[in-house]
Amino acid sequence: MSFKFGVKIALAILSTILSILLTFWISEEWFFDKVYYQKSVLHGYWPPGKELLYIDFGRRGQDISKLLDFIHNPASYPNKIKTTGFTIVIIGDSFVWGQGLRESQRFTTILNKRLNSIRPTSIIQLGSNGDSLLDNYIKYHYANCHL
């Protein structure tokens, strides 16, 4: 009797875990904005109430973090960036940042892969959500000095 009860409990727990995983997968795939909006760092959102830095976003914030380091300490970057191919700097707002997208889905990541298949290319992504024209001009100015 207790063996059957144990099997039923195990099946109920397994069923519950699979149901939860399936629910999260469906909600992320089809109802993202209703479930995950402003909660997922993986999707480029700045969760409210958390103090994050650009570097906390991984590759997404790597270039802009380096630019901010350069702005605050130009002497730490004595040489300009040298590449064997092309260097493309993309400046913009949340579209360039890729808010709502995973890193692999961002157009800068896709562009980098496609251009690298043709010729060595370095994409420097300096977009950040909420940036204005003045913010982008300042980033352009400092990126121009740094590159």
N, C-alpha and C. Protein backbone atom coordinates (compact mmCIF):
# COMPACT_ATOMS: atom_id res chain seq x y z
N MET A 1 0.82 -1.19 0.00
CA MET A 1 0.00 0.00 0.00
C MET A 1 0.87 1.26 0.00
N SER A 2 1.91 1.28 0.83
CA SER A 2 2.76 2.47 0.92
C SER A 2 3.60 2.66 -0.33
N PHE A 3 3.94 1.54 -1.04
CA PHE A 3 4.70 1.66 -2.28
C PHE A 3 3.90 2.39 -3.34
N LYS A 4 2.60 2.05 -3.49
CA LYS A 4 1.74 2.72 -4.46
C LYS A 4 1.56 4.19 -4.10
N PHE A 5 1.45 4.46 -2.81
CA PHE A 5 1.31 5.84 -2.35
C PHE A 5 2.58 6.64 -2.67
N GLY A 6 3.75 6.04 -2.49
CA GLY A 6 5.03 6.69 -2.80
C GLY A 6 5.17 6.98 -4.29
N VAL A 7 4.72 6.04 -5.11
CA VAL A 7 4.76 6.24 -6.57
C VAL A 7 3.83 7.38 -6.97
N LYS A 8 2.65 7.42 -6.36
CA LYS A 8 1.70 8.49 -6.67
C LYS A 8 2.27 9.85 -6.26
N ILE A 9 2.90 9.93 -5.12
CA ILE A 9 3.51 11.19 -4.66
C ILE A 9 4.63 11.60 -5.61
N ALA A 10 5.48 10.64 -6.00
CA ALA A 10 6.59 10.92 -6.91
C ALA A 10 6.06 11.41 -8.27
N LEU A 11 5.02 10.78 -8.78
CA LEU A 11 4.42 11.20 -10.05
C LEU A 11 3.78 12.58 -9.93
N ALA A 12 3.17 12.86 -8.78
CA ALA A 12 2.56 14.18 -8.57
C ALA A 12 3.64 15.26 -8.53
N ILE A 13 4.75 15.00 -7.87
CA ILE A 13 5.85 15.98 -7.79
C ILE A 13 6.47 16.18 -9.17
N LEU A 14 6.71 15.09 -9.89
CA LEU A 14 7.27 15.19 -11.24
C LEU A 14 6.33 15.95 -12.16
N SER A 15 5.06 15.67 -12.07
CA SER A 15 4.06 16.36 -12.89
C SER A 15 4.02 17.85 -12.57
N THR A 16 4.12 18.19 -11.30
CA THR A 16 4.12 19.59 -10.89
C THR A 16 5.35 20.32 -11.43
N ILE A 17 6.52 19.70 -11.31
CA ILE A 17 7.76 20.32 -11.79
C ILE A 17 7.70 20.51 -13.30
N LEU A 18 7.27 19.50 -14.04
CA LEU A 18 7.16 19.63 -15.50
C LEU A 18 6.13 20.69 -15.89
N SER A 19 5.05 20.78 -15.16
CA SER A 19 4.03 21.80 -15.44
C SER A 19 4.58 23.21 -15.23
N ILE A 20 5.34 23.40 -14.17
CA ILE A 20 5.94 24.71 -13.90
C ILE A 20 6.93 25.07 -15.00
N LEU A 21 7.80 24.13 -15.38
CA LEU A 21 8.77 24.40 -16.44
C LEU A 21 8.08 24.72 -17.76
N LEU A 22 7.04 23.96 -18.10
CA LEU A 22 6.30 24.21 -19.33
C LEU A 22 5.61 25.57 -19.29
N THR A 23 5.06 25.93 -18.15
CA THR A 23 4.39 27.23 -18.00
C THR A 23 5.37 28.37 -18.20
N PHE A 24 6.56 28.28 -17.61
CA PHE A 24 7.56 29.33 -17.79
C PHE A 24 8.04 29.40 -19.23
N TRP A 25 8.20 28.26 -19.88
CA TRP A 25 8.63 28.26 -21.27
C TRP A 25 7.58 28.91 -22.17
N ILE A 26 6.32 28.56 -21.98
CA ILE A 26 5.23 29.15 -22.78
C ILE A 26 5.13 30.65 -22.51
N SER A 27 5.24 31.05 -21.26
CA SER A 27 5.12 32.47 -20.95
C SER A 27 6.28 33.27 -21.53
N GLU A 28 7.47 32.70 -21.56
CA GLU A 28 8.61 33.42 -22.13
C GLU A 28 8.51 33.50 -23.64
N GLU A 29 8.04 32.44 -24.27
CA GLU A 29 7.96 32.43 -25.73
C GLU A 29 6.83 33.30 -26.29
N TRP A 30 5.66 33.29 -25.65
CA TRP A 30 4.50 33.96 -26.22
C TRP A 30 3.96 35.13 -25.42
N PHE A 31 4.23 35.20 -24.16
CA PHE A 31 3.66 36.27 -23.33
C PHE A 31 4.75 37.01 -22.57
N PHE A 32 5.88 37.27 -23.22
CA PHE A 32 7.05 37.83 -22.55
C PHE A 32 6.74 39.11 -21.79
N ASP A 33 6.13 40.07 -22.47
CA ASP A 33 5.92 41.39 -21.85
C ASP A 33 4.99 41.33 -20.64
N LYS A 34 4.11 40.37 -20.61
CA LYS A 34 3.17 40.28 -19.49
C LYS A 34 3.78 39.59 -18.28
N VAL A 35 4.78 38.74 -18.50
CA VAL A 35 5.34 37.96 -17.40
C VAL A 35 6.73 38.46 -16.99
N TYR A 36 7.59 38.76 -17.96
CA TYR A 36 8.98 39.05 -17.67
C TYR A 36 9.35 40.52 -17.83
N TYR A 37 8.47 41.36 -18.26
CA TYR A 37 8.81 42.75 -18.55
C TYR A 37 9.51 43.40 -17.36
N GLN A 38 10.62 44.03 -17.62
CA GLN A 38 11.46 44.72 -16.64
C GLN A 38 11.95 43.80 -15.53
N LYS A 39 12.11 42.54 -15.82
CA LYS A 39 12.58 41.63 -14.79
C LYS A 39 13.81 40.83 -15.23
N SER A 40 14.10 40.78 -16.50
CA SER A 40 15.11 39.86 -16.99
C SER A 40 16.35 40.59 -17.49
N VAL A 41 17.48 40.42 -16.80
CA VAL A 41 18.75 40.97 -17.26
C VAL A 41 19.18 40.27 -18.54
N LEU A 42 18.85 38.99 -18.69
CA LEU A 42 19.19 38.26 -19.91
C LEU A 42 18.55 38.89 -21.14
N HIS A 43 17.43 39.55 -20.96
CA HIS A 43 16.73 40.20 -22.06
C HIS A 43 16.99 41.70 -22.12
N GLY A 44 17.98 42.17 -21.38
CA GLY A 44 18.40 43.56 -21.47
C GLY A 44 17.60 44.55 -20.65
N TYR A 45 16.78 44.08 -19.74
CA TYR A 45 15.99 44.98 -18.91
C TYR A 45 16.74 45.33 -17.63
N TRP A 46 16.56 46.54 -17.16
CA TRP A 46 17.12 46.99 -15.89
C TRP A 46 16.04 46.78 -14.84
N PRO A 47 16.13 45.71 -14.06
CA PRO A 47 15.10 45.45 -13.05
C PRO A 47 14.97 46.62 -12.07
N PRO A 48 13.75 47.05 -11.79
CA PRO A 48 13.57 48.16 -10.86
C PRO A 48 14.08 47.82 -9.47
N GLY A 49 14.72 48.78 -8.85
CA GLY A 49 15.21 48.61 -7.49
C GLY A 49 16.56 47.94 -7.38
N LYS A 50 17.16 47.56 -8.50
CA LYS A 50 18.48 46.93 -8.46
C LYS A 50 19.51 47.90 -9.04
N GLU A 51 20.63 48.03 -8.37
CA GLU A 51 21.73 48.86 -8.84
C GLU A 51 22.66 47.99 -9.69
N LEU A 52 22.55 48.11 -11.00
CA LEU A 52 23.37 47.32 -11.90
C LEU A 52 24.33 48.22 -12.67
N LEU A 53 25.41 47.64 -13.14
CA LEU A 53 26.35 48.31 -14.00
C LEU A 53 26.25 47.67 -15.39
N TYR A 54 26.79 48.36 -16.40
CA TYR A 54 26.73 47.80 -17.75
C TYR A 54 27.42 46.44 -17.82
N ILE A 55 28.48 46.27 -17.08
CA ILE A 55 29.22 45.01 -17.11
C ILE A 55 28.38 43.85 -16.57
N ASP A 56 27.36 44.14 -15.77
CA ASP A 56 26.47 43.10 -15.25
C ASP A 56 25.65 42.44 -16.35
N PHE A 57 25.58 43.08 -17.51
CA PHE A 57 24.81 42.55 -18.63
C PHE A 57 25.65 41.68 -19.57
N GLY A 58 26.89 41.40 -19.20
CA GLY A 58 27.74 40.53 -20.02
C GLY A 58 28.17 41.20 -21.31
N ARG A 59 28.14 40.45 -22.41
CA ARG A 59 28.58 40.99 -23.71
C ARG A 59 27.75 42.20 -24.13
N ARG A 60 26.50 42.22 -23.76
CA ARG A 60 25.62 43.32 -24.15
C ARG A 60 26.16 44.66 -23.66
N GLY A 61 26.71 44.71 -22.48
CA GLY A 61 27.18 45.97 -21.92
C GLY A 61 28.69 46.12 -21.91
N GLN A 62 29.40 45.17 -22.50
CA GLN A 62 30.86 45.17 -22.45
C GLN A 62 31.46 46.41 -23.13
N ASP A 63 31.04 46.73 -24.34
CA ASP A 63 31.64 47.84 -25.08
C ASP A 63 31.35 49.19 -24.41
N ILE A 64 30.13 49.39 -23.98
CA ILE A 64 29.80 50.67 -23.36
C ILE A 64 30.49 50.80 -22.00
N SER A 65 30.72 49.68 -21.31
CA SER A 65 31.46 49.72 -20.06
C SER A 65 32.90 50.14 -20.31
N LYS A 66 33.50 49.62 -21.37
CA LYS A 66 34.87 50.01 -21.73
C LYS A 66 34.94 51.48 -22.10
N LEU A 67 33.92 51.97 -22.82
CA LEU A 67 33.90 53.39 -23.18
C LEU A 67 33.79 54.27 -21.94
N LEU A 68 32.96 53.88 -20.99
CA LEU A 68 32.84 54.65 -19.76
C LEU A 68 34.15 54.64 -18.97
N ASP A 69 34.83 53.50 -18.97
CA ASP A 69 36.15 53.44 -18.32
C ASP A 69 37.11 54.41 -19.00
N PHE A 70 37.06 54.45 -20.33
CA PHE A 70 37.93 55.36 -21.08
C PHE A 70 37.61 56.82 -20.76
N ILE A 71 36.31 57.13 -20.67
CA ILE A 71 35.90 58.51 -20.38
C ILE A 71 36.44 58.94 -19.01
N HIS A 72 36.36 58.05 -18.03
CA HIS A 72 36.78 58.40 -16.68
C HIS A 72 38.29 58.33 -16.48
N ASN A 73 38.97 57.52 -17.32
CA ASN A 73 40.41 57.38 -17.17
C ASN A 73 41.07 57.18 -18.54
N PRO A 74 41.19 58.26 -19.34
CA PRO A 74 41.75 58.13 -20.69
C PRO A 74 43.18 57.62 -20.71
N ALA A 75 43.94 57.87 -19.66
CA ALA A 75 45.33 57.43 -19.64
C ALA A 75 45.46 55.92 -19.60
N SER A 76 44.42 55.24 -19.18
CA SER A 76 44.48 53.78 -19.11
C SER A 76 44.38 53.14 -20.50
N TYR A 77 44.06 53.93 -21.51
CA TYR A 77 43.95 53.43 -22.88
C TYR A 77 44.87 54.26 -23.77
N PRO A 78 46.19 54.05 -23.69
CA PRO A 78 47.10 54.91 -24.44
C PRO A 78 47.06 54.70 -25.95
N ASN A 79 46.76 53.49 -26.39
CA ASN A 79 46.75 53.20 -27.83
C ASN A 79 45.34 53.06 -28.35
N LYS A 80 45.20 53.35 -29.62
CA LYS A 80 43.90 53.16 -30.25
C LYS A 80 43.70 51.67 -30.53
N ILE A 81 42.44 51.28 -30.71
CA ILE A 81 42.12 49.87 -31.02
C ILE A 81 42.63 49.57 -32.42
N LYS A 82 43.32 48.45 -32.58
CA LYS A 82 43.83 48.05 -33.88
C LYS A 82 43.19 46.73 -34.26
N THR A 83 42.64 46.67 -35.44
CA THR A 83 42.06 45.43 -35.94
C THR A 83 42.59 45.18 -37.34
N THR A 84 42.54 43.94 -37.76
CA THR A 84 43.00 43.61 -39.10
C THR A 84 41.91 43.84 -40.13
N GLY A 85 40.68 43.91 -39.71
CA GLY A 85 39.56 44.11 -40.62
C GLY A 85 38.89 45.45 -40.39
N PHE A 86 37.59 45.44 -40.48
CA PHE A 86 36.80 46.64 -40.28
C PHE A 86 36.36 46.77 -38.83
N THR A 87 36.20 48.00 -38.38
CA THR A 87 35.61 48.27 -37.07
C THR A 87 34.38 49.12 -37.31
N ILE A 88 33.25 48.66 -36.82
CA ILE A 88 31.99 49.38 -36.97
C ILE A 88 31.47 49.71 -35.58
N VAL A 89 31.21 50.98 -35.34
CA VAL A 89 30.65 51.42 -34.06
C VAL A 89 29.18 51.74 -34.29
N ILE A 90 28.34 51.11 -33.51
CA ILE A 90 26.89 51.33 -33.62
C ILE A 90 26.43 52.03 -32.36
N ILE A 91 25.87 53.21 -32.54
CA ILE A 91 25.40 54.02 -31.42
C ILE A 91 23.88 54.13 -31.54
N GLY A 92 23.20 54.05 -30.41
CA GLY A 92 21.75 54.16 -30.47
C GLY A 92 21.11 54.02 -29.12
N ASP A 93 19.83 53.66 -29.15
CA ASP A 93 19.05 53.56 -27.92
C ASP A 93 18.71 52.10 -27.65
N SER A 94 17.51 51.85 -27.15
CA SER A 94 17.13 50.50 -26.74
C SER A 94 17.07 49.52 -27.91
N PHE A 95 16.92 50.00 -29.14
CA PHE A 95 16.93 49.09 -30.28
C PHE A 95 18.32 48.50 -30.48
N VAL A 96 19.34 49.33 -30.34
CA VAL A 96 20.71 48.85 -30.45
C VAL A 96 21.08 48.02 -29.23
N TRP A 97 20.64 48.46 -28.06
CA TRP A 97 20.88 47.72 -26.82
C TRP A 97 20.26 46.33 -26.90
N GLY A 98 19.12 46.22 -27.60
CA GLY A 98 18.44 44.94 -27.75
C GLY A 98 17.53 44.63 -26.58
N GLN A 99 16.85 45.66 -26.08
CA GLN A 99 15.97 45.46 -24.94
C GLN A 99 14.83 44.53 -25.32
N GLY A 100 14.65 43.50 -24.53
CA GLY A 100 13.61 42.51 -24.79
C GLY A 100 14.12 41.30 -25.56
N LEU A 101 15.41 41.31 -25.92
CA LEU A 101 15.98 40.21 -26.69
C LEU A 101 17.13 39.56 -25.93
N ARG A 102 17.33 38.31 -26.20
CA ARG A 102 18.52 37.64 -25.68
C ARG A 102 19.73 38.10 -26.50
N GLU A 103 20.91 37.93 -25.96
CA GLU A 103 22.14 38.38 -26.64
C GLU A 103 22.25 37.81 -28.05
N SER A 104 21.93 36.55 -28.23
CA SER A 104 22.06 35.91 -29.54
C SER A 104 21.05 36.43 -30.56
N GLN A 105 19.99 37.11 -30.12
CA GLN A 105 18.95 37.61 -31.02
C GLN A 105 19.15 39.07 -31.42
N ARG A 106 20.10 39.76 -30.80
CA ARG A 106 20.32 41.17 -31.09
C ARG A 106 20.89 41.34 -32.49
N PHE A 107 20.53 42.44 -33.17
CA PHE A 107 20.99 42.60 -34.53
C PHE A 107 22.49 42.85 -34.60
N THR A 108 23.08 43.43 -33.55
CA THR A 108 24.52 43.64 -33.58
C THR A 108 25.28 42.32 -33.51
N THR A 109 24.76 41.36 -32.77
CA THR A 109 25.39 40.04 -32.70
C THR A 109 25.25 39.31 -34.03
N ILE A 110 24.07 39.38 -34.63
CA ILE A 110 23.83 38.73 -35.92
C ILE A 110 24.67 39.40 -37.01
N LEU A 111 24.74 40.73 -37.01
CA LEU A 111 25.54 41.47 -37.98
C LEU A 111 27.02 41.10 -37.85
N ASN A 112 27.50 41.00 -36.63
CA ASN A 112 28.89 40.63 -36.40
C ASN A 112 29.20 39.24 -36.98
N LYS A 113 28.32 38.28 -36.75
CA LYS A 113 28.54 36.93 -37.29
C LYS A 113 28.54 36.94 -38.81
N ARG A 114 27.57 37.63 -39.41
CA ARG A 114 27.47 37.63 -40.87
C ARG A 114 28.64 38.35 -41.52
N LEU A 115 29.05 39.49 -40.97
CA LEU A 115 30.16 40.23 -41.55
C LEU A 115 31.48 39.50 -41.35
N ASN A 116 31.64 38.82 -40.22
CA ASN A 116 32.86 38.06 -39.98
C ASN A 116 32.99 36.88 -40.92
N SER A 117 31.88 36.38 -41.44
CA SER A 117 31.95 35.29 -42.41
C SER A 117 32.47 35.79 -43.76
N ILE A 118 32.42 37.10 -43.98
CA ILE A 118 32.90 37.70 -45.24
C ILE A 118 34.31 38.25 -45.07
N ARG A 119 34.51 39.04 -44.01
CA ARG A 119 35.79 39.69 -43.74
C ARG A 119 35.89 39.96 -42.24
N PRO A 120 37.09 39.90 -41.67
CA PRO A 120 37.21 40.16 -40.22
C PRO A 120 36.64 41.53 -39.86
N THR A 121 35.68 41.51 -38.97
CA THR A 121 34.97 42.73 -38.59
C THR A 121 34.78 42.76 -37.08
N SER A 122 34.93 43.94 -36.53
CA SER A 122 34.69 44.13 -35.11
C SER A 122 33.52 45.10 -34.95
N ILE A 123 32.46 44.65 -34.31
CA ILE A 123 31.30 45.49 -34.05
C ILE A 123 31.40 45.99 -32.62
N ILE A 124 31.40 47.31 -32.46
CA ILE A 124 31.40 47.90 -31.13
C ILE A 124 30.02 48.50 -30.93
N GLN A 125 29.29 47.95 -29.95
CA GLN A 125 27.91 48.33 -29.70
C GLN A 125 27.86 49.30 -28.54
N LEU A 126 27.45 50.54 -28.80
CA LEU A 126 27.40 51.55 -27.76
C LEU A 126 25.98 52.05 -27.51
N GLY A 127 25.00 51.25 -27.82
CA GLY A 127 23.62 51.63 -27.56
C GLY A 127 23.21 51.32 -26.14
N SER A 128 22.36 52.16 -25.60
CA SER A 128 21.82 51.94 -24.27
C SER A 128 20.40 52.46 -24.23
N ASN A 129 19.54 51.75 -23.52
CA ASN A 129 18.14 52.16 -23.50
C ASN A 129 17.98 53.53 -22.86
N GLY A 130 17.15 54.34 -23.47
CA GLY A 130 16.87 55.68 -22.95
C GLY A 130 17.85 56.75 -23.38
N ASP A 131 18.82 56.43 -24.21
CA ASP A 131 19.79 57.44 -24.63
C ASP A 131 19.16 58.45 -25.57
N SER A 132 19.56 59.69 -25.38
CA SER A 132 19.06 60.78 -26.22
C SER A 132 20.08 61.09 -27.31
N LEU A 133 19.76 62.05 -28.15
CA LEU A 133 20.67 62.48 -29.21
C LEU A 133 21.98 63.00 -28.61
N LEU A 134 21.88 63.77 -27.52
CA LEU A 134 23.07 64.29 -26.86
C LEU A 134 23.92 63.15 -26.28
N ASP A 135 23.29 62.16 -25.65
CA ASP A 135 24.03 61.00 -25.14
C ASP A 135 24.80 60.30 -26.26
N ASN A 136 24.13 60.14 -27.39
CA ASN A 136 24.77 59.46 -28.52
C ASN A 136 25.90 60.31 -29.11
N TYR A 137 25.75 61.63 -29.14
CA TYR A 137 26.82 62.48 -29.63
C TYR A 137 28.05 62.37 -28.71
N ILE A 138 27.83 62.36 -27.41
CA ILE A 138 28.94 62.23 -26.47
C ILE A 138 29.64 60.89 -26.66
N LYS A 139 28.87 59.83 -26.83
CA LYS A 139 29.47 58.51 -27.06
C LYS A 139 30.25 58.51 -28.37
N TYR A 140 29.68 59.14 -29.41
CA TYR A 140 30.37 59.23 -30.69
C TYR A 140 31.70 59.97 -30.54
N HIS A 141 31.67 61.08 -29.83
CA HIS A 141 32.88 61.88 -29.63
C HIS A 141 33.97 61.06 -28.94
N TYR A 142 33.62 60.41 -27.85
CA TYR A 142 34.61 59.64 -27.11
C TYR A 142 35.04 58.39 -27.86
N ALA A 143 34.12 57.77 -28.57
CA ALA A 143 34.48 56.59 -29.36
C ALA A 143 35.43 56.99 -30.48
N ASN A 144 35.21 58.16 -31.06
CA ASN A 144 36.08 58.66 -32.13
C ASN A 144 37.48 58.93 -31.58
N CYS A 145 37.59 59.41 -30.36
CA CYS A 145 38.90 59.63 -29.73
C CYS A 145 39.58 58.32 -29.40
N HIS A 146 38.78 57.33 -29.03
CA HIS A 146 39.32 56.06 -28.55
C HIS A 146 39.71 55.12 -29.69
N LEU A 147 39.03 55.23 -30.82
CA LEU A 147 39.28 54.27 -31.92
C LEU A 147 40.38 54.69 -32.81
